[in-house]
């Protein structure tokens, strides 16, 4: 008799963004004709750049002719794209080999799947607040106990708060897997080199592995802040880096990302090279490779022209972030992020929960945001606003908040 994976039963209610969609739908059904301004989900809205469109178009045209048609590609990604990513890292004075880079259909799936190559008895540490996928994927894998008082047994929470700029220090207890998101989603905080060096030292001393999500790294404009974990000495021995074309090249719907697993990465009881071989086996077994067309688009995004166009896209969204941050600051709210990341993190009045504030903002200003509690226990008392919107829509949303919202 077939049975289910009962770990799914441990998950908290519905997925955060499904709950937002449900509440938004219910509101619209009760308020016919109301137009909502959506600043909740981090989905890009601007068209793909000319260079990327040219790359994607060329990829499609190849499929029209027998001589240039391609079927299954290399499960690790086109060698041309992996070489281009090697060059991408060289600009940051980081030396990688194409064999250490695995192209995929996005950072989110890699963030969830990567934990499958580690032992189920490994203790994981996640930041709080943080993006839900790291938590939920470990719950589903059976690496946690039951949910009690908003937290899972067997999981270590690294608490972010205003005192540590939402970038917590390494755990005081021993853990095996450490998830770091920098720039952080949802808070917009960015780890300094010293902060990352502390995590690398921790991991090296305890043979732990850092899973570093750098999906928003291209939004960092402060040159003193690291865009890659591999800017830290020794990180290749203890860190896996996950990245994406979604937010800086507009690939949220195109779907393409990559993961770096260094040959030098070492864990307890195995020789160097074992971890990368496991990930290669996992991908070749369960993944047939990313879209050939999407990879041609990514090659174009990595070209000199493509990167210049992407910087304009980043500047566009960061202009939205500045407007959002200024609006809430002018209204007397304490605001974080929005300077080196496309998210603005706002402290709300203590008289309301983050879901109550969500409903109030929806009702009074017709603006959709994301409640902080959806990102962890320490997210309660805050909301997240996304800068990934049309500039006119963002301006309308801010004017509506200024005019109609009653703090």
Protein backbone atom coordinates (compact mmCIF):
# COMPACT_ATOMS: atom_id res chain seq x y z
CA UNK A 1 0.00 0.00 0.00
CA UNK A 2 1.36 3.39 -0.97
CA UNK A 3 1.86 5.96 1.76
CA UNK A 4 2.71 9.65 1.76
CA UNK A 5 5.81 11.48 2.92
CA UNK A 6 4.45 12.59 6.29
CA UNK A 7 7.07 15.31 6.57
CA UNK A 8 4.82 17.41 4.32
CA UNK A 9 2.30 17.43 7.16
CA UNK A 10 4.81 19.35 9.28
CA UNK A 11 4.80 22.35 6.93
CA UNK A 12 3.13 25.50 8.20
CA UNK A 13 -0.26 26.05 6.55
CA UNK A 14 -0.08 27.11 2.92
CA UNK A 15 2.97 28.48 1.18
CA UNK A 16 3.43 32.20 1.97
CA UNK A 17 2.79 33.54 -1.51
CA UNK A 18 -0.21 31.26 -2.05
CA UNK A 19 -1.76 32.76 1.09
CA UNK A 20 -1.09 36.27 -0.23
CA UNK A 21 -2.74 35.32 -3.52
CA UNK A 22 -5.76 33.88 -1.68
CA UNK A 23 -6.29 36.99 0.46
CA UNK A 24 -5.86 39.24 -2.55
CA UNK A 25 -8.38 37.21 -4.57
CA UNK A 26 -10.91 37.30 -1.70
CA UNK A 27 -10.52 41.08 -1.43
CA UNK A 28 -11.09 41.60 -5.16
CA UNK A 29 -14.18 39.40 -5.13
CA UNK A 30 -15.68 41.57 -2.38
CA UNK A 31 -14.54 44.84 -3.96
CA UNK A 32 -15.37 44.65 -7.66
CA UNK A 33 -13.56 47.14 -9.88
CA UNK A 34 -10.78 47.95 -7.39
CA UNK A 35 -7.33 48.06 -8.98
CA UNK A 36 -4.55 46.73 -6.79
CA UNK A 37 -0.92 47.81 -6.81
CA UNK A 38 1.26 44.77 -6.14
CA UNK A 39 4.54 45.22 -4.31
CA UNK A 40 4.58 41.83 -2.64
CA UNK A 41 6.15 39.11 -4.76
CA UNK A 42 9.66 39.64 -6.10
CA UNK A 43 8.75 39.05 -9.75
CA UNK A 44 10.40 41.22 -12.40
CA UNK A 45 8.15 43.33 -14.62
CA UNK A 46 10.42 45.03 -17.17
CA UNK A 47 10.95 43.49 -20.64
CA UNK A 48 14.08 41.50 -21.36
CA UNK A 49 16.98 43.53 -22.75
CA UNK A 50 17.73 43.72 -26.48
CA UNK A 51 20.85 41.59 -26.10
CA UNK A 52 18.97 38.85 -24.26
CA UNK A 53 16.12 38.86 -26.80
CA UNK A 54 18.69 38.52 -29.58
CA UNK A 55 20.29 35.58 -27.79
CA UNK A 56 16.97 33.85 -27.18
CA UNK A 57 15.88 34.47 -30.78
CA UNK A 58 19.12 33.00 -32.10
CA UNK A 59 18.53 29.96 -29.91
CA UNK A 60 15.06 29.49 -31.35
CA UNK A 61 16.27 29.89 -34.93
CA UNK A 62 18.84 27.15 -34.43
CA UNK A 63 15.97 24.73 -33.89
CA UNK A 64 14.55 25.46 -37.36
CA UNK A 65 17.41 23.81 -39.25
CA UNK A 66 18.68 20.26 -39.15
CA UNK A 67 22.32 21.39 -39.08
CA UNK A 68 21.87 23.55 -35.98
CA UNK A 69 19.08 21.68 -34.20
CA UNK A 70 19.93 20.45 -30.68
CA UNK A 71 18.16 17.97 -28.45
CA UNK A 72 19.39 17.04 -25.01
CA UNK A 73 22.34 19.11 -23.94
CA UNK A 74 25.02 18.44 -21.35
CA UNK A 75 23.25 18.00 -17.96
CA UNK A 76 25.76 20.41 -16.44
CA UNK A 77 25.06 23.12 -19.04
CA UNK A 78 26.65 24.31 -22.26
CA UNK A 79 30.41 24.55 -22.00
CA UNK A 80 30.25 27.98 -23.67
CA UNK A 81 27.99 29.25 -20.91
CA UNK A 82 30.06 27.71 -18.14
CA UNK A 83 33.19 29.29 -19.62
CA UNK A 84 31.38 32.64 -19.73
CA UNK A 85 30.53 32.22 -16.04
CA UNK A 86 34.19 31.45 -15.31
CA UNK A 87 35.02 34.82 -16.90
CA UNK A 88 32.20 36.42 -14.91
CA UNK A 89 33.86 35.30 -11.68
CA UNK A 90 37.34 36.29 -12.88
CA UNK A 91 36.23 39.92 -12.81
CA UNK A 92 35.84 39.42 -9.06
CA UNK A 93 39.32 37.83 -8.90
CA UNK A 94 37.80 34.40 -8.31
CA UNK A 95 39.24 31.43 -10.20
CA UNK A 96 36.79 28.64 -11.00
CA UNK A 97 36.80 25.82 -13.52
CA UNK A 98 33.84 25.15 -15.82
CA UNK A 99 33.60 21.65 -14.30
CA UNK A 100 32.69 23.29 -10.96
CA UNK A 101 29.68 25.13 -12.43
CA UNK A 102 26.27 23.48 -12.86
CA UNK A 103 23.66 25.33 -14.93
CA UNK A 104 20.06 24.71 -13.86
CA UNK A 105 16.51 25.96 -14.25
CA UNK A 106 16.84 28.40 -11.35
CA UNK A 107 18.29 29.14 -7.93
CA UNK A 108 15.12 28.18 -6.05
CA UNK A 109 15.13 24.58 -7.22
CA UNK A 110 18.86 24.25 -6.58
CA UNK A 111 18.43 25.72 -3.09
CA UNK A 112 15.90 22.99 -2.34
CA UNK A 113 17.63 20.13 -4.13
CA UNK A 114 21.20 20.68 -2.92
CA UNK A 115 20.45 19.39 0.58
CA UNK A 116 19.62 15.95 -0.85
CA UNK A 117 23.32 15.10 -1.25
CA UNK A 118 23.92 15.49 2.49
CA UNK A 119 23.06 13.06 5.27
CA UNK A 120 19.61 13.21 6.76
CA UNK A 121 21.11 13.44 10.25
CA UNK A 122 22.96 16.66 9.38
CA UNK A 123 21.90 19.61 11.53
CA UNK A 124 20.94 22.64 9.45
CA UNK A 125 21.09 26.30 10.44
CA UNK A 126 19.03 28.97 8.72
CA UNK A 127 18.76 32.72 9.14
CA UNK A 128 15.57 34.11 10.65
CA UNK A 129 14.00 35.99 8.92
CA UNK A 130 14.81 34.45 5.54
CA UNK A 131 13.29 33.11 2.32
CA UNK A 132 11.14 30.01 3.09
CA UNK A 133 12.64 27.51 0.62
CA UNK A 134 15.67 26.63 2.80
CA UNK A 135 13.44 25.83 5.74
CA UNK A 136 10.66 23.99 3.91
CA UNK A 137 13.00 21.79 1.87
CA UNK A 138 14.75 20.56 5.01
CA UNK A 139 11.41 19.89 6.70
CA UNK A 140 10.27 17.84 3.70
CA UNK A 141 13.57 15.93 3.75
CA UNK A 142 12.92 14.88 7.34
CA UNK A 143 15.78 16.85 8.81
CA UNK A 144 13.59 18.47 11.48
CA UNK A 145 11.23 17.52 14.25
CA UNK A 146 7.75 18.93 14.79
CA UNK A 147 6.78 22.60 14.67
CA UNK A 148 6.46 24.01 18.18
CA UNK A 149 5.79 27.65 19.04
CA UNK A 150 6.64 28.75 15.51
CA UNK A 151 9.92 26.84 15.22
CA UNK A 152 10.99 23.35 14.18
CA UNK A 153 12.74 21.03 16.58
CA UNK A 154 16.18 19.96 15.43
CA UNK A 155 16.78 23.08 13.37
CA UNK A 156 19.11 25.90 14.44
CA UNK A 157 17.85 29.44 13.89
CA UNK A 158 20.35 32.27 13.44
CA UNK A 159 18.39 35.30 14.60
CA UNK A 160 18.60 38.50 12.61
CA UNK A 161 17.50 41.71 14.24
CA UNK A 162 18.00 45.46 14.14
CA UNK A 163 20.97 45.21 16.51
CA UNK A 164 22.97 42.99 14.12
CA UNK A 165 21.57 44.62 10.96
CA UNK A 166 19.67 41.40 10.21
CA UNK A 167 22.93 39.58 9.51
CA UNK A 168 23.39 37.16 12.45
CA UNK A 169 26.74 35.69 13.51
CA UNK A 170 27.57 31.97 13.15
CA UNK A 171 25.74 29.58 15.52
CA UNK A 172 27.14 28.98 18.98
CA UNK A 173 26.36 25.27 18.69
CA UNK A 174 27.76 22.82 16.15
CA UNK A 175 25.80 22.52 12.90
CA UNK A 176 26.56 20.83 9.59
CA UNK A 177 24.72 22.88 6.95
CA UNK A 178 24.52 26.68 7.06
CA UNK A 179 22.21 28.62 4.76
CA UNK A 180 23.18 32.24 4.08
CA UNK A 181 21.29 34.58 1.76
CA UNK A 182 23.17 37.80 0.96
CA UNK A 183 21.79 40.21 -0.05
CA UNK A 184 19.14 38.86 2.23
CA UNK A 185 15.60 38.22 1.11
CA UNK A 186 13.51 39.69 2.79
CA UNK A 187 15.49 42.24 4.83
CA UNK A 188 17.79 43.63 2.14
CA UNK A 189 20.81 43.31 4.46
CA UNK A 190 24.21 42.40 3.01
CA UNK A 191 27.00 40.52 4.79
CA UNK A 192 30.36 42.26 5.07
CA UNK A 193 33.63 40.47 4.31
CA UNK A 194 34.35 40.17 8.02
CA UNK A 195 30.92 38.68 8.68
CA UNK A 196 31.34 36.10 5.92
CA UNK A 197 34.89 35.36 7.07
CA UNK A 198 33.48 34.42 10.50
CA UNK A 199 31.16 31.89 8.84
CA UNK A 200 33.98 30.48 6.70
CA UNK A 201 36.18 30.07 9.80
CA UNK A 202 33.31 28.35 11.60
CA UNK A 203 32.69 25.97 8.68
CA UNK A 204 36.36 25.11 8.21
CA UNK A 205 36.82 24.36 11.90
CA UNK A 206 33.76 22.12 12.08
CA UNK A 207 33.76 20.68 8.54
CA UNK A 208 30.37 22.26 7.94
CA UNK A 209 29.10 23.36 4.53
CA UNK A 210 27.83 26.85 3.76
CA UNK A 211 25.07 27.05 1.14
CA UNK A 212 25.35 30.63 -0.05
CA UNK A 213 22.48 32.15 -2.04
CA UNK A 214 23.81 35.08 -4.09
CA UNK A 215 20.76 35.61 -6.32
CA UNK A 216 20.70 39.36 -5.63
CA UNK A 217 24.47 39.97 -5.69
CA UNK A 218 24.36 42.19 -8.78
CA UNK A 219 22.30 44.71 -6.81
CA UNK A 220 25.20 45.44 -4.46
CA UNK A 221 26.61 48.87 -5.35
CA UNK A 222 28.83 49.27 -2.28
CA UNK A 223 32.20 48.00 -3.57
CA UNK A 224 33.35 47.08 -0.07
CA UNK A 225 30.65 44.40 0.19
CA UNK A 226 31.29 40.90 -1.23
CA UNK A 227 29.19 39.61 -4.12
CA UNK A 228 30.42 36.04 -3.76
CA UNK A 229 31.37 33.81 -0.83
CA UNK A 230 34.52 32.93 -2.77
CA UNK A 231 35.89 36.41 -2.16
CA UNK A 232 36.67 35.03 1.30
CA UNK A 233 39.87 33.03 1.70
CA UNK A 234 39.23 29.35 2.32
CA UNK A 235 35.61 29.42 1.12
CA UNK A 236 36.20 26.92 -1.69
CA UNK A 237 36.85 24.27 0.96
CA UNK A 238 33.53 24.79 2.71
CA UNK A 239 30.99 26.64 0.55
CA UNK A 240 28.55 26.02 -2.28
CA UNK A 241 27.27 29.10 -4.10
CA UNK A 242 23.88 29.34 -5.80
CA UNK A 243 23.02 32.14 -8.22
CA UNK A 244 20.45 33.10 -10.82
CA UNK A 245 19.77 35.18 -13.93
CA UNK A 246 16.24 35.90 -12.69
CA UNK A 247 16.54 39.18 -10.85
CA UNK A 248 19.36 40.98 -12.66
CA UNK A 249 18.65 39.83 -16.22
CA UNK A 250 14.86 39.40 -15.94
CA UNK A 251 14.82 35.59 -16.25
CA UNK A 252 12.07 34.93 -13.69
CA UNK A 253 9.93 33.38 -16.42
CA UNK A 254 12.74 32.22 -18.67
CA UNK A 255 14.20 30.17 -15.75
CA UNK A 256 17.96 29.81 -15.52
CA UNK A 257 20.48 29.73 -12.72
CA UNK A 258 23.69 28.03 -11.69
CA UNK A 259 25.38 26.40 -8.72
CA UNK A 260 29.09 26.31 -7.97
CA UNK A 261 30.41 23.22 -6.18
CA UNK A 262 34.20 23.52 -5.80
CA UNK A 263 36.41 20.50 -6.32
CA UNK A 264 38.16 21.40 -3.05
CA UNK A 265 34.98 21.20 -0.96
CA UNK A 266 35.44 18.73 1.90
CA UNK A 267 32.99 17.25 4.39
CA UNK A 268 33.39 14.74 7.20
CA UNK A 269 34.74 11.36 6.19
CA UNK A 270 35.20 11.86 2.43
CA UNK A 271 37.98 13.00 0.14
CA UNK A 272 38.00 16.26 -1.89
CA UNK A 273 35.94 15.83 -5.05
CA UNK A 274 33.29 13.60 -3.49
CA UNK A 275 30.71 16.36 -2.95
CA UNK A 276 30.97 17.66 -6.51
CA UNK A 277 30.66 14.10 -7.85
CA UNK A 278 27.49 13.56 -5.81
CA UNK A 279 25.89 16.75 -7.14
CA UNK A 280 26.89 15.79 -10.69
CA UNK A 281 25.28 12.38 -10.17
CA UNK A 282 22.15 13.92 -8.67
CA UNK A 283 21.74 16.33 -11.59
CA UNK A 284 22.42 13.77 -14.31
CA UNK A 285 19.97 11.36 -12.66
CA UNK A 286 17.08 13.76 -11.98
CA UNK A 287 17.63 16.65 -14.39
CA UNK A 288 17.99 16.63 -18.19
CA UNK A 289 19.67 19.99 -18.41
CA UNK A 290 18.42 23.55 -18.71
CA UNK A 291 16.67 24.80 -21.82
CA UNK A 292 19.09 25.26 -24.72
CA UNK A 293 17.22 28.41 -25.71
CA UNK A 294 17.44 29.89 -22.20
CA UNK A 295 21.18 29.17 -22.13
CA UNK A 296 21.65 31.11 -25.37
CA UNK A 297 19.83 34.00 -23.72
CA UNK A 298 22.13 33.74 -20.70
CA UNK A 299 25.22 33.84 -22.92
CA UNK A 300 23.90 37.10 -24.33
CA UNK A 301 23.22 38.40 -20.81
CA UNK A 302 26.86 37.74 -19.89
CA UNK A 303 28.20 39.59 -22.94
CA UNK A 304 29.57 43.11 -22.48
CA UNK A 305 26.44 44.56 -24.06
CA UNK A 306 24.17 42.29 -22.05
CA UNK A 307 25.75 43.23 -18.73
CA UNK A 308 25.49 46.94 -19.51
CA UNK A 309 21.81 46.54 -20.30
CA UNK A 310 21.30 44.55 -17.12
CA UNK A 311 22.88 47.35 -15.08
CA UNK A 312 20.24 49.71 -16.50
CA UNK A 313 17.56 47.24 -15.44
CA UNK A 314 19.03 47.07 -11.94
CA UNK A 315 19.16 50.88 -11.73
CA UNK A 316 15.49 51.02 -12.75
CA UNK A 317 14.40 48.71 -9.94
CA UNK A 318 16.68 50.36 -7.40
CA UNK A 319 15.04 53.68 -8.28
CA UNK A 320 11.78 52.07 -7.17
CA UNK A 321 13.44 50.88 -3.96
CA UNK A 322 14.61 54.41 -3.18
CA UNK A 323 11.10 55.79 -3.70
CA UNK A 324 9.54 53.14 -1.46
CA UNK A 325 12.13 53.67 1.24
CA UNK A 326 11.72 57.47 1.19
CA UNK A 327 7.92 57.24 1.33
CA UNK A 328 7.81 55.02 4.40
CA UNK A 329 10.61 56.97 6.09
CA UNK A 330 8.69 60.22 5.54
CA UNK A 331 5.63 58.60 7.13
CA UNK A 332 7.66 57.91 10.27
CA UNK A 333 8.40 54.22 9.80
CA UNK A 334 11.81 52.70 10.50
CA UNK A 335 13.05 51.29 7.20
CA UNK A 336 15.84 48.87 6.24
CA UNK A 337 17.28 47.56 2.97
CA UNK A 338 16.64 49.19 -0.39
CA UNK A 339 20.25 50.31 -0.87
CA UNK A 340 22.16 47.20 -1.97
CA UNK A 341 19.13 45.00 -2.54
CA UNK A 342 15.74 45.35 -4.27
CA UNK A 343 13.75 44.78 -1.07
CA UNK A 344 12.60 47.27 1.55
CA UNK A 345 11.99 45.98 5.07
CA UNK A 346 9.68 48.13 7.20
CA UNK A 347 9.02 47.94 10.93
CA UNK A 348 5.29 48.23 11.61
CA UNK A 349 3.42 49.47 14.72
CA UNK A 350 3.47 46.94 17.58
CA UNK A 351 -0.30 47.15 17.87
CA UNK A 352 -0.72 45.12 14.67
CA UNK A 353 0.57 41.76 13.50
CA UNK A 354 2.23 41.68 10.08
CA UNK A 355 -0.85 39.94 8.57
CA UNK A 356 -3.14 42.55 10.14
CA UNK A 357 -0.97 45.29 8.67
CA UNK A 358 -1.09 43.49 5.31
CA UNK A 359 -4.91 43.51 5.42
CA UNK A 360 -5.03 47.15 6.52
CA UNK A 361 -2.74 48.29 3.72
CA UNK A 362 -4.73 46.24 1.21
CA UNK A 363 -8.03 47.63 2.45
CA UNK A 364 -7.09 51.30 2.79
CA UNK A 365 -4.45 51.87 0.10
CA UNK A 366 -5.11 48.90 -2.24
CA UNK A 367 -1.44 47.96 -2.04
CA UNK A 368 -0.21 44.35 -1.73
CA UNK A 369 2.95 43.72 0.33
CA UNK A 370 4.43 40.66 2.06
CA UNK A 371 3.94 40.08 5.81
CA UNK A 372 7.22 39.60 7.62
CA UNK A 373 5.96 36.65 9.64
CA UNK A 374 6.01 34.59 6.44
CA UNK A 375 9.81 34.69 6.60
CA UNK A 376 10.15 33.35 10.13
CA UNK A 377 9.39 34.11 13.75
CA UNK A 378 11.75 37.10 13.75
CA UNK A 379 9.96 38.54 10.72
CA UNK A 380 6.90 39.32 12.81
CA UNK A 381 6.56 43.06 13.29
CA UNK A 382 7.75 43.89 9.76
CA UNK A 383 6.60 43.89 6.15
CA UNK A 384 8.60 43.44 2.95
CA UNK A 385 8.07 45.53 -0.17
CA UNK A 386 9.47 44.51 -3.52
CA UNK A 387 11.02 47.04 -5.93
CA UNK A 388 10.30 44.76 -8.91
CA UNK A 389 7.37 46.77 -10.21
CA UNK A 390 6.54 49.14 -13.02
CA UNK A 391 7.74 52.60 -11.95
CA UNK A 392 4.34 54.21 -12.64
CA UNK A 393 2.63 51.55 -10.53
CA UNK A 394 5.12 52.04 -7.69
CA UNK A 395 4.56 55.81 -7.76
CA UNK A 396 0.79 55.29 -7.70
CA UNK A 397 1.15 52.88 -4.79
CA UNK A 398 3.24 55.33 -2.77
CA UNK A 399 0.81 58.18 -3.45
CA UNK A 400 -2.09 55.98 -2.39
CA UNK A 401 -0.31 55.08 0.84
CA UNK A 402 0.47 58.74 1.56
CA UNK A 403 -3.13 59.78 0.84
CA UNK A 404 -5.28 56.91 2.10
CA UNK A 405 -3.33 54.88 4.63
CA UNK A 406 -3.87 55.72 8.28
CA UNK A 407 -0.88 54.47 10.34
